[in-house]
Amino acid sequence: MKITILGSCRFEPYEILAVPEANEFHNTEKGYQMAFEKFKIAMDESDLIICYAPDGIGEHTGRDLEYAKTTKARIVIVGVEQ
């Protein structure tokens, strides 16, 4: 089984193989596009996508989830406050 984890860089360091990582363009459109290119490939290959969102889903993670819905993967959202 192949798994991708989505979520905010605010909660790093994650201790998993492919995780959100802040870069010099963190929280900008350019930074998002750089990260999305990495995660798009992972999502396309995944059987399961886990979204870690303990304080809600932000704009960029929301866009990732919209893309994730176009893949074959099962999507699980963990930690969203109600």
N, C-alpha and C. Protein backbone atom coordinates (compact mmCIF):
# COMPACT_ATOMS: atom_id res chain seq x y z
N MET A 1 0.84 -1.17 0.00
CA MET A 1 0.00 0.00 0.00
C MET A 1 0.89 1.24 0.00
N LYS A 2 0.55 2.19 -0.84
CA LYS A 2 1.27 3.45 -0.92
C LYS A 2 0.44 4.54 -0.26
N ILE A 3 1.08 5.35 0.61
CA ILE A 3 0.37 6.35 1.40
C ILE A 3 1.03 7.71 1.22
N THR A 4 0.21 8.75 1.08
CA THR A 4 0.67 10.14 1.08
C THR A 4 0.00 10.86 2.23
N ILE A 5 0.76 11.71 2.92
CA ILE A 5 0.21 12.52 3.99
C ILE A 5 0.24 13.98 3.56
N LEU A 6 -0.90 14.62 3.64
CA LEU A 6 -1.02 16.05 3.35
C LEU A 6 -1.18 16.80 4.65
N GLY A 7 -0.82 18.06 4.67
CA GLY A 7 -1.04 18.89 5.84
C GLY A 7 -0.13 20.09 5.84
N SER A 8 -0.29 20.91 6.83
CA SER A 8 0.46 22.15 6.93
C SER A 8 1.90 21.92 7.37
N CYS A 9 2.79 22.75 6.88
CA CYS A 9 4.20 22.72 7.31
C CYS A 9 4.33 23.18 8.77
N ARG A 10 3.30 23.82 9.29
CA ARG A 10 3.36 24.30 10.68
C ARG A 10 3.58 23.16 11.66
N PHE A 11 3.24 21.94 11.28
CA PHE A 11 3.31 20.81 12.21
C PHE A 11 4.55 19.95 11.99
N GLU A 12 5.47 20.43 11.15
CA GLU A 12 6.70 19.65 10.96
C GLU A 12 7.58 19.76 12.18
N PRO A 13 8.44 18.84 12.50
CA PRO A 13 8.84 17.77 11.60
C PRO A 13 7.92 16.56 11.71
N TYR A 14 7.44 16.08 10.59
CA TYR A 14 6.75 14.81 10.50
C TYR A 14 7.86 13.75 10.42
N GLU A 15 7.57 12.55 10.87
CA GLU A 15 8.59 11.49 10.78
C GLU A 15 8.11 10.40 9.84
N ILE A 16 7.86 10.79 8.62
CA ILE A 16 7.38 9.90 7.58
C ILE A 16 8.22 10.21 6.34
N LEU A 17 8.20 9.36 5.35
CA LEU A 17 9.09 9.53 4.20
C LEU A 17 8.80 10.74 3.32
N ALA A 18 7.55 11.00 2.98
CA ALA A 18 7.21 12.16 2.15
C ALA A 18 6.25 13.04 2.94
N VAL A 19 6.72 14.21 3.31
CA VAL A 19 5.91 15.09 4.17
C VAL A 19 5.98 16.53 3.68
N PRO A 20 5.04 17.35 4.12
CA PRO A 20 5.12 18.77 3.81
C PRO A 20 6.38 19.36 4.43
N GLU A 21 7.13 20.13 3.65
CA GLU A 21 8.35 20.76 4.14
C GLU A 21 8.33 22.24 3.76
N ALA A 22 8.62 23.10 4.71
CA ALA A 22 8.70 24.53 4.42
C ALA A 22 9.91 24.80 3.53
N ASN A 23 9.78 25.77 2.64
CA ASN A 23 10.91 26.20 1.82
C ASN A 23 10.95 27.72 1.86
N GLU A 24 11.87 28.30 1.12
CA GLU A 24 12.02 29.75 1.18
C GLU A 24 10.78 30.49 0.70
N PHE A 25 9.89 29.82 -0.01
CA PHE A 25 8.66 30.43 -0.50
C PHE A 25 7.44 29.96 0.27
N HIS A 26 7.66 29.48 1.49
CA HIS A 26 6.59 28.94 2.33
C HIS A 26 5.40 29.91 2.38
N ASN A 27 4.23 29.34 2.24
CA ASN A 27 2.96 30.06 2.36
C ASN A 27 2.78 31.12 1.27
N THR A 28 3.38 30.90 0.11
CA THR A 28 3.15 31.75 -1.06
C THR A 28 2.65 30.87 -2.18
N GLU A 29 2.14 31.46 -3.23
CA GLU A 29 1.68 30.68 -4.37
C GLU A 29 2.84 29.90 -5.00
N LYS A 30 4.00 30.53 -5.11
CA LYS A 30 5.17 29.85 -5.69
C LYS A 30 5.57 28.64 -4.83
N GLY A 31 5.60 28.83 -3.52
CA GLY A 31 5.93 27.73 -2.63
C GLY A 31 4.92 26.60 -2.73
N TYR A 32 3.64 26.98 -2.82
CA TYR A 32 2.60 25.96 -2.96
C TYR A 32 2.80 25.17 -4.25
N GLN A 33 3.05 25.86 -5.35
CA GLN A 33 3.23 25.17 -6.63
C GLN A 33 4.42 24.22 -6.59
N MET A 34 5.51 24.63 -5.93
CA MET A 34 6.68 23.76 -5.81
C MET A 34 6.33 22.50 -5.03
N ALA A 35 5.61 22.67 -3.92
CA ALA A 35 5.22 21.53 -3.10
C ALA A 35 4.20 20.66 -3.83
N PHE A 36 3.25 21.30 -4.53
CA PHE A 36 2.21 20.54 -5.22
C PHE A 36 2.81 19.62 -6.27
N GLU A 37 3.83 20.08 -6.98
CA GLU A 37 4.46 19.23 -7.99
C GLU A 37 4.99 17.94 -7.37
N LYS A 38 5.56 18.05 -6.18
CA LYS A 38 6.07 16.87 -5.47
C LYS A 38 4.91 15.97 -5.03
N PHE A 39 3.89 16.57 -4.44
CA PHE A 39 2.81 15.78 -3.88
C PHE A 39 1.83 15.28 -4.94
N LYS A 40 1.72 15.95 -6.06
CA LYS A 40 0.86 15.47 -7.14
C LYS A 40 1.32 14.08 -7.58
N ILE A 41 2.62 13.92 -7.76
CA ILE A 41 3.17 12.62 -8.16
C ILE A 41 2.84 11.57 -7.10
N ALA A 42 3.05 11.93 -5.83
CA ALA A 42 2.77 10.98 -4.74
C ALA A 42 1.29 10.62 -4.69
N MET A 43 0.41 11.63 -4.82
CA MET A 43 -1.03 11.36 -4.77
C MET A 43 -1.47 10.47 -5.92
N ASP A 44 -0.89 10.70 -7.10
CA ASP A 44 -1.25 9.87 -8.26
C ASP A 44 -0.91 8.41 -8.04
N GLU A 45 0.10 8.13 -7.26
CA GLU A 45 0.55 6.76 -7.03
C GLU A 45 -0.03 6.13 -5.75
N SER A 46 -0.71 6.93 -4.94
CA SER A 46 -1.15 6.46 -3.62
C SER A 46 -2.43 5.64 -3.66
N ASP A 47 -2.50 4.73 -2.70
CA ASP A 47 -3.74 3.99 -2.44
C ASP A 47 -4.54 4.69 -1.34
N LEU A 48 -3.83 5.42 -0.49
CA LEU A 48 -4.44 6.10 0.65
C LEU A 48 -3.80 7.47 0.81
N ILE A 49 -4.62 8.50 0.99
CA ILE A 49 -4.15 9.85 1.27
C ILE A 49 -4.70 10.26 2.62
N ILE A 50 -3.81 10.58 3.54
CA ILE A 50 -4.20 11.01 4.88
C ILE A 50 -3.93 12.51 4.97
N CYS A 51 -4.93 13.26 5.36
CA CYS A 51 -4.77 14.70 5.55
C CYS A 51 -4.77 14.98 7.05
N TYR A 52 -3.65 15.50 7.55
CA TYR A 52 -3.52 15.84 8.96
C TYR A 52 -3.84 17.32 9.12
N ALA A 53 -4.97 17.61 9.77
CA ALA A 53 -5.45 18.99 9.90
C ALA A 53 -6.02 19.22 11.29
N PRO A 54 -5.17 19.31 12.31
CA PRO A 54 -5.68 19.43 13.68
C PRO A 54 -6.41 20.74 13.97
N ASP A 55 -6.16 21.77 13.19
CA ASP A 55 -6.85 23.04 13.45
C ASP A 55 -7.62 23.52 12.23
N GLY A 56 -8.05 22.59 11.40
CA GLY A 56 -8.84 22.94 10.22
C GLY A 56 -8.01 22.83 8.95
N ILE A 57 -8.69 22.95 7.83
CA ILE A 57 -8.05 22.81 6.53
C ILE A 57 -7.85 24.19 5.92
N GLY A 58 -6.59 24.53 5.67
CA GLY A 58 -6.25 25.82 5.08
C GLY A 58 -6.41 25.81 3.56
N GLU A 59 -6.13 26.95 2.95
CA GLU A 59 -6.32 27.12 1.51
C GLU A 59 -5.51 26.12 0.70
N HIS A 60 -4.21 26.01 0.97
CA HIS A 60 -3.37 25.13 0.16
C HIS A 60 -3.71 23.66 0.37
N THR A 61 -3.92 23.26 1.61
CA THR A 61 -4.30 21.86 1.87
C THR A 61 -5.65 21.56 1.23
N GLY A 62 -6.55 22.53 1.26
CA GLY A 62 -7.85 22.35 0.61
C GLY A 62 -7.71 22.12 -0.89
N ARG A 63 -6.80 22.87 -1.51
CA ARG A 63 -6.55 22.67 -2.95
C ARG A 63 -5.96 21.29 -3.20
N ASP A 64 -5.06 20.85 -2.32
CA ASP A 64 -4.50 19.50 -2.45
C ASP A 64 -5.60 18.45 -2.35
N LEU A 65 -6.53 18.64 -1.41
CA LEU A 65 -7.61 17.67 -1.25
C LEU A 65 -8.52 17.63 -2.48
N GLU A 66 -8.76 18.79 -3.09
CA GLU A 66 -9.57 18.81 -4.31
C GLU A 66 -8.90 17.97 -5.40
N TYR A 67 -7.58 18.09 -5.53
CA TYR A 67 -6.87 17.26 -6.50
C TYR A 67 -6.95 15.79 -6.09
N ALA A 68 -6.76 15.52 -4.80
CA ALA A 68 -6.76 14.14 -4.31
C ALA A 68 -8.06 13.42 -4.70
N LYS A 69 -9.16 14.15 -4.74
CA LYS A 69 -10.45 13.56 -5.09
C LYS A 69 -10.48 13.05 -6.53
N THR A 70 -9.55 13.50 -7.35
CA THR A 70 -9.51 13.05 -8.75
C THR A 70 -8.68 11.78 -8.91
N THR A 71 -8.06 11.31 -7.83
CA THR A 71 -7.22 10.11 -7.89
C THR A 71 -8.02 8.89 -7.45
N LYS A 72 -7.38 7.73 -7.53
CA LYS A 72 -8.03 6.48 -7.12
C LYS A 72 -7.93 6.24 -5.61
N ALA A 73 -7.20 7.09 -4.92
CA ALA A 73 -6.90 6.86 -3.49
C ALA A 73 -8.11 7.08 -2.60
N ARG A 74 -8.13 6.34 -1.51
CA ARG A 74 -9.06 6.60 -0.42
C ARG A 74 -8.50 7.79 0.34
N ILE A 75 -9.38 8.70 0.79
CA ILE A 75 -8.94 9.91 1.50
C ILE A 75 -9.48 9.87 2.92
N VAL A 76 -8.59 10.10 3.88
CA VAL A 76 -8.98 10.16 5.29
C VAL A 76 -8.47 11.49 5.86
N ILE A 77 -9.36 12.22 6.52
CA ILE A 77 -8.98 13.49 7.13
C ILE A 77 -8.96 13.28 8.63
N VAL A 78 -7.83 13.61 9.25
CA VAL A 78 -7.61 13.36 10.68
C VAL A 78 -7.43 14.68 11.40
N GLY A 79 -8.15 14.85 12.52
CA GLY A 79 -7.87 15.96 13.42
C GLY A 79 -8.58 17.25 13.15
N VAL A 80 -9.56 17.28 12.27
CA VAL A 80 -10.26 18.53 12.00
C VAL A 80 -11.19 18.84 13.17
N GLU A 81 -11.04 20.07 13.70
CA GLU A 81 -11.93 20.49 14.79
C GLU A 81 -13.31 20.73 14.24
N GLN A 82 -14.31 20.31 14.99
CA GLN A 82 -15.70 20.50 14.56
C GLN A 82 -16.26 21.78 15.10
